[in-house]
N, C-alpha and C. Protein backbone atom coordinates (compact mmCIF):
# COMPACT_ATOMS: atom_id res chain seq x y z
N SER A 1 11.44 -6.00 17.89
CA SER A 1 10.35 -5.65 18.81
C SER A 1 8.99 -5.90 18.12
N LEU A 2 8.03 -5.75 18.90
CA LEU A 2 6.63 -5.97 18.31
C LEU A 2 6.33 -4.94 17.26
N LEU A 3 6.72 -3.70 17.41
CA LEU A 3 6.40 -2.68 16.42
C LEU A 3 7.20 -2.90 15.11
N ASP A 4 8.35 -3.54 15.18
CA ASP A 4 9.12 -3.81 14.00
C ASP A 4 8.43 -4.86 13.11
N SER A 5 7.56 -5.68 13.69
CA SER A 5 6.88 -6.71 12.94
C SER A 5 5.39 -6.40 12.75
N THR A 6 5.04 -5.13 12.97
CA THR A 6 3.63 -4.69 12.83
C THR A 6 3.52 -3.63 11.79
N ILE A 7 2.53 -3.69 10.95
CA ILE A 7 2.26 -2.62 9.99
C ILE A 7 0.77 -2.26 10.19
N VAL A 8 0.49 -1.00 10.43
CA VAL A 8 -0.84 -0.47 10.57
C VAL A 8 -1.19 0.22 9.28
N VAL A 9 -2.30 -0.14 8.66
CA VAL A 9 -2.71 0.50 7.43
C VAL A 9 -4.05 1.19 7.65
N TRP A 10 -4.05 2.45 7.22
CA TRP A 10 -5.30 3.26 7.27
C TRP A 10 -5.53 3.80 5.87
N CYS A 11 -6.78 3.70 5.46
CA CYS A 11 -7.12 4.26 4.15
C CYS A 11 -8.54 4.75 4.22
N LYS A 12 -8.83 5.67 3.28
CA LYS A 12 -10.17 6.16 3.13
C LYS A 12 -10.80 5.42 1.99
N GLU A 13 -12.11 5.15 2.09
CA GLU A 13 -12.79 4.37 1.02
C GLU A 13 -12.78 5.08 -0.30
N LEU A 14 -12.96 6.38 -0.28
CA LEU A 14 -13.12 7.16 -1.50
C LEU A 14 -12.13 8.32 -1.51
N GLY A 15 -11.59 8.70 -2.65
CA GLY A 15 -10.73 9.82 -2.75
C GLY A 15 -11.48 11.10 -2.52
N ASP A 16 -12.68 11.23 -3.11
CA ASP A 16 -13.56 12.39 -2.90
C ASP A 16 -14.93 11.87 -2.64
N GLY A 17 -15.37 11.94 -1.39
CA GLY A 17 -16.67 11.40 -0.95
C GLY A 17 -17.84 12.11 -1.64
N ARG A 18 -17.64 13.37 -1.99
CA ARG A 18 -18.75 14.12 -2.65
C ARG A 18 -19.05 13.54 -4.02
N LEU A 19 -17.99 13.11 -4.73
CA LEU A 19 -18.16 12.61 -6.08
C LEU A 19 -18.24 11.09 -6.17
N HIS A 20 -17.98 10.41 -4.98
CA HIS A 20 -17.96 8.96 -4.95
C HIS A 20 -17.00 8.32 -5.94
N ASP A 21 -15.79 8.92 -6.05
CA ASP A 21 -14.81 8.31 -6.92
C ASP A 21 -13.67 7.72 -6.11
N CYS A 22 -12.97 6.82 -6.75
CA CYS A 22 -11.85 6.14 -6.07
C CYS A 22 -10.48 6.60 -6.61
N LYS A 23 -10.45 7.87 -7.03
CA LYS A 23 -9.16 8.39 -7.48
C LYS A 23 -8.52 9.19 -6.34
N SER A 24 -7.23 9.16 -6.24
CA SER A 24 -6.45 9.85 -5.17
C SER A 24 -6.90 9.43 -3.77
N VAL A 25 -7.11 8.14 -3.57
CA VAL A 25 -7.40 7.63 -2.21
C VAL A 25 -6.15 7.69 -1.32
N PRO A 26 -6.24 8.36 -0.19
CA PRO A 26 -5.06 8.39 0.64
C PRO A 26 -4.87 7.11 1.45
N TRP A 27 -3.62 6.74 1.62
CA TRP A 27 -3.22 5.54 2.42
C TRP A 27 -2.18 5.99 3.42
N VAL A 28 -2.21 5.52 4.64
CA VAL A 28 -1.20 5.84 5.65
C VAL A 28 -0.68 4.44 6.16
N LEU A 29 0.62 4.29 6.10
CA LEU A 29 1.29 3.08 6.61
C LEU A 29 2.12 3.47 7.79
N ALA A 30 1.99 2.77 8.90
CA ALA A 30 2.74 3.09 10.08
C ALA A 30 3.39 1.83 10.64
N GLY A 31 4.60 1.93 11.11
CA GLY A 31 5.27 0.82 11.70
C GLY A 31 6.01 0.02 10.73
N GLY A 32 6.56 -1.09 11.16
CA GLY A 32 7.29 -2.01 10.28
C GLY A 32 8.70 -1.49 9.97
N LYS A 33 9.61 -2.40 9.85
CA LYS A 33 10.99 -2.00 9.54
C LYS A 33 11.28 -2.13 8.05
N SER A 34 10.28 -2.54 7.27
CA SER A 34 10.46 -2.72 5.84
C SER A 34 10.24 -1.45 5.07
N PHE A 35 9.61 -0.41 5.68
CA PHE A 35 9.32 0.81 5.02
C PHE A 35 10.19 1.98 5.55
N SER A 36 10.56 2.86 4.69
CA SER A 36 11.27 4.09 5.05
C SER A 36 10.19 5.02 5.61
N LEU A 37 10.30 5.36 6.85
CA LEU A 37 9.25 6.19 7.48
C LEU A 37 9.41 7.68 7.30
N GLY A 38 8.36 8.42 7.55
CA GLY A 38 8.41 9.86 7.57
C GLY A 38 8.43 10.50 6.21
N ARG A 39 7.78 9.92 5.22
CA ARG A 39 7.78 10.53 3.89
C ARG A 39 6.42 10.41 3.26
N TYR A 40 6.20 11.30 2.31
CA TYR A 40 4.98 11.27 1.46
C TYR A 40 5.40 10.81 0.10
N VAL A 41 4.65 9.80 -0.41
CA VAL A 41 5.01 9.20 -1.72
C VAL A 41 3.78 9.22 -2.59
N ASP A 42 3.92 9.70 -3.81
CA ASP A 42 2.84 9.73 -4.75
C ASP A 42 3.17 8.76 -5.88
N PHE A 43 2.40 7.71 -6.00
CA PHE A 43 2.62 6.68 -7.06
C PHE A 43 1.81 6.88 -8.29
N GLY A 44 1.26 8.09 -8.46
CA GLY A 44 0.63 8.47 -9.73
C GLY A 44 -0.55 7.64 -10.16
N GLY A 45 -1.40 7.27 -9.23
CA GLY A 45 -2.59 6.52 -9.60
C GLY A 45 -2.41 5.01 -9.78
N ALA A 46 -1.30 4.47 -9.23
CA ALA A 46 -1.10 3.00 -9.30
C ALA A 46 -2.26 2.29 -8.56
N PRO A 47 -2.68 1.14 -9.05
CA PRO A 47 -3.77 0.42 -8.43
C PRO A 47 -3.44 0.01 -6.97
N HIS A 48 -4.42 0.02 -6.11
CA HIS A 48 -4.16 -0.32 -4.72
C HIS A 48 -3.75 -1.78 -4.54
N GLN A 49 -4.02 -2.65 -5.51
CA GLN A 49 -3.56 -4.01 -5.41
C GLN A 49 -2.03 -4.08 -5.34
N LYS A 50 -1.36 -3.19 -6.00
CA LYS A 50 0.14 -3.14 -5.91
C LYS A 50 0.60 -2.80 -4.49
N LEU A 51 -0.12 -1.87 -3.87
CA LEU A 51 0.21 -1.51 -2.50
C LEU A 51 -0.01 -2.71 -1.56
N LEU A 52 -1.13 -3.44 -1.75
CA LEU A 52 -1.38 -4.60 -0.93
C LEU A 52 -0.34 -5.68 -1.14
N VAL A 53 0.11 -5.87 -2.37
CA VAL A 53 1.22 -6.81 -2.63
C VAL A 53 2.45 -6.41 -1.90
N SER A 54 2.77 -5.04 -1.91
CA SER A 54 3.96 -4.57 -1.22
C SER A 54 3.85 -4.86 0.26
N ILE A 55 2.70 -4.68 0.86
CA ILE A 55 2.53 -4.92 2.27
C ILE A 55 2.71 -6.42 2.54
N CYS A 56 2.16 -7.29 1.70
CA CYS A 56 2.33 -8.71 1.92
C CYS A 56 3.79 -9.08 1.79
N GLN A 57 4.51 -8.55 0.84
CA GLN A 57 5.94 -8.87 0.72
C GLN A 57 6.74 -8.34 1.85
N ALA A 58 6.36 -7.17 2.37
CA ALA A 58 7.07 -6.67 3.56
C ALA A 58 6.88 -7.56 4.80
N MET A 59 5.78 -8.28 4.83
CA MET A 59 5.48 -9.21 5.90
C MET A 59 6.03 -10.61 5.66
N GLY A 60 6.77 -10.83 4.55
CA GLY A 60 7.45 -12.09 4.32
C GLY A 60 6.79 -12.96 3.29
N LEU A 61 5.67 -12.57 2.74
CA LEU A 61 5.02 -13.40 1.70
C LEU A 61 5.61 -13.13 0.35
N ASP A 62 5.44 -14.06 -0.57
CA ASP A 62 6.06 -13.87 -1.94
C ASP A 62 5.07 -13.76 -3.03
N ASN A 63 3.81 -13.39 -2.70
CA ASN A 63 2.78 -13.34 -3.75
C ASN A 63 3.04 -12.15 -4.64
N GLN A 64 2.59 -12.24 -5.90
CA GLN A 64 2.71 -11.16 -6.89
C GLN A 64 1.39 -10.54 -7.20
N THR A 65 0.29 -11.06 -6.68
CA THR A 65 -1.05 -10.49 -6.90
C THR A 65 -1.81 -10.42 -5.60
N PHE A 66 -2.78 -9.55 -5.56
CA PHE A 66 -3.76 -9.47 -4.43
C PHE A 66 -5.08 -9.03 -5.02
N GLY A 67 -6.05 -9.88 -4.88
CA GLY A 67 -7.40 -9.57 -5.41
C GLY A 67 -7.40 -9.74 -6.94
N ASP A 68 -7.97 -8.79 -7.61
CA ASP A 68 -8.14 -8.86 -9.03
C ASP A 68 -6.83 -8.55 -9.75
N ALA A 69 -6.22 -9.62 -10.28
CA ALA A 69 -4.89 -9.49 -10.94
C ALA A 69 -4.94 -8.64 -12.17
N SER A 70 -6.10 -8.48 -12.78
CA SER A 70 -6.17 -7.64 -14.00
C SER A 70 -5.95 -6.17 -13.70
N LYS A 71 -6.06 -5.79 -12.45
CA LYS A 71 -5.89 -4.38 -12.04
C LYS A 71 -4.43 -4.02 -11.78
N GLY A 72 -3.60 -5.04 -11.54
CA GLY A 72 -2.19 -4.77 -11.27
C GLY A 72 -1.54 -5.93 -10.61
N THR A 73 -0.24 -6.15 -10.94
CA THR A 73 0.51 -7.23 -10.31
C THR A 73 1.85 -6.66 -9.82
N GLY A 74 2.45 -7.36 -8.92
CA GLY A 74 3.75 -6.95 -8.36
C GLY A 74 3.66 -5.83 -7.38
N PRO A 75 4.72 -5.55 -6.69
CA PRO A 75 4.74 -4.46 -5.63
C PRO A 75 5.00 -3.10 -6.29
N LEU A 76 4.81 -2.06 -5.46
CA LEU A 76 5.10 -0.72 -5.87
C LEU A 76 6.62 -0.57 -5.79
N ASP A 77 7.18 -0.03 -6.85
CA ASP A 77 8.66 0.18 -6.91
C ASP A 77 9.05 1.31 -5.90
N GLY A 78 10.02 1.08 -5.09
CA GLY A 78 10.52 2.08 -4.22
C GLY A 78 9.85 2.24 -2.88
N LEU A 79 8.84 1.37 -2.61
CA LEU A 79 8.14 1.45 -1.32
C LEU A 79 8.86 0.73 -0.24
N ILE A 80 9.30 -0.50 -0.55
CA ILE A 80 9.94 -1.38 0.46
C ILE A 80 11.43 -1.07 0.48
N VAL A 81 11.99 -0.91 1.67
CA VAL A 81 13.42 -0.63 1.79
C VAL A 81 14.25 -1.86 1.56
């Protein structure tokens, strides 16, 4: 169905808007059949580039980097089913 091939990504720009830092930035993924739904996962400060690679791979791409490769390569382990 359409929802099986759709991933909605929501994120906040800053983890703490008062301090203007990018630590602990929340991300919400909805939809898609590639992700196990209904869970909270903490990746311990992994760079968001790894999350974006995971999303690309869930949509059928085979890239290992997204954006600045010096910040992180490859997908997040355990995110994709």
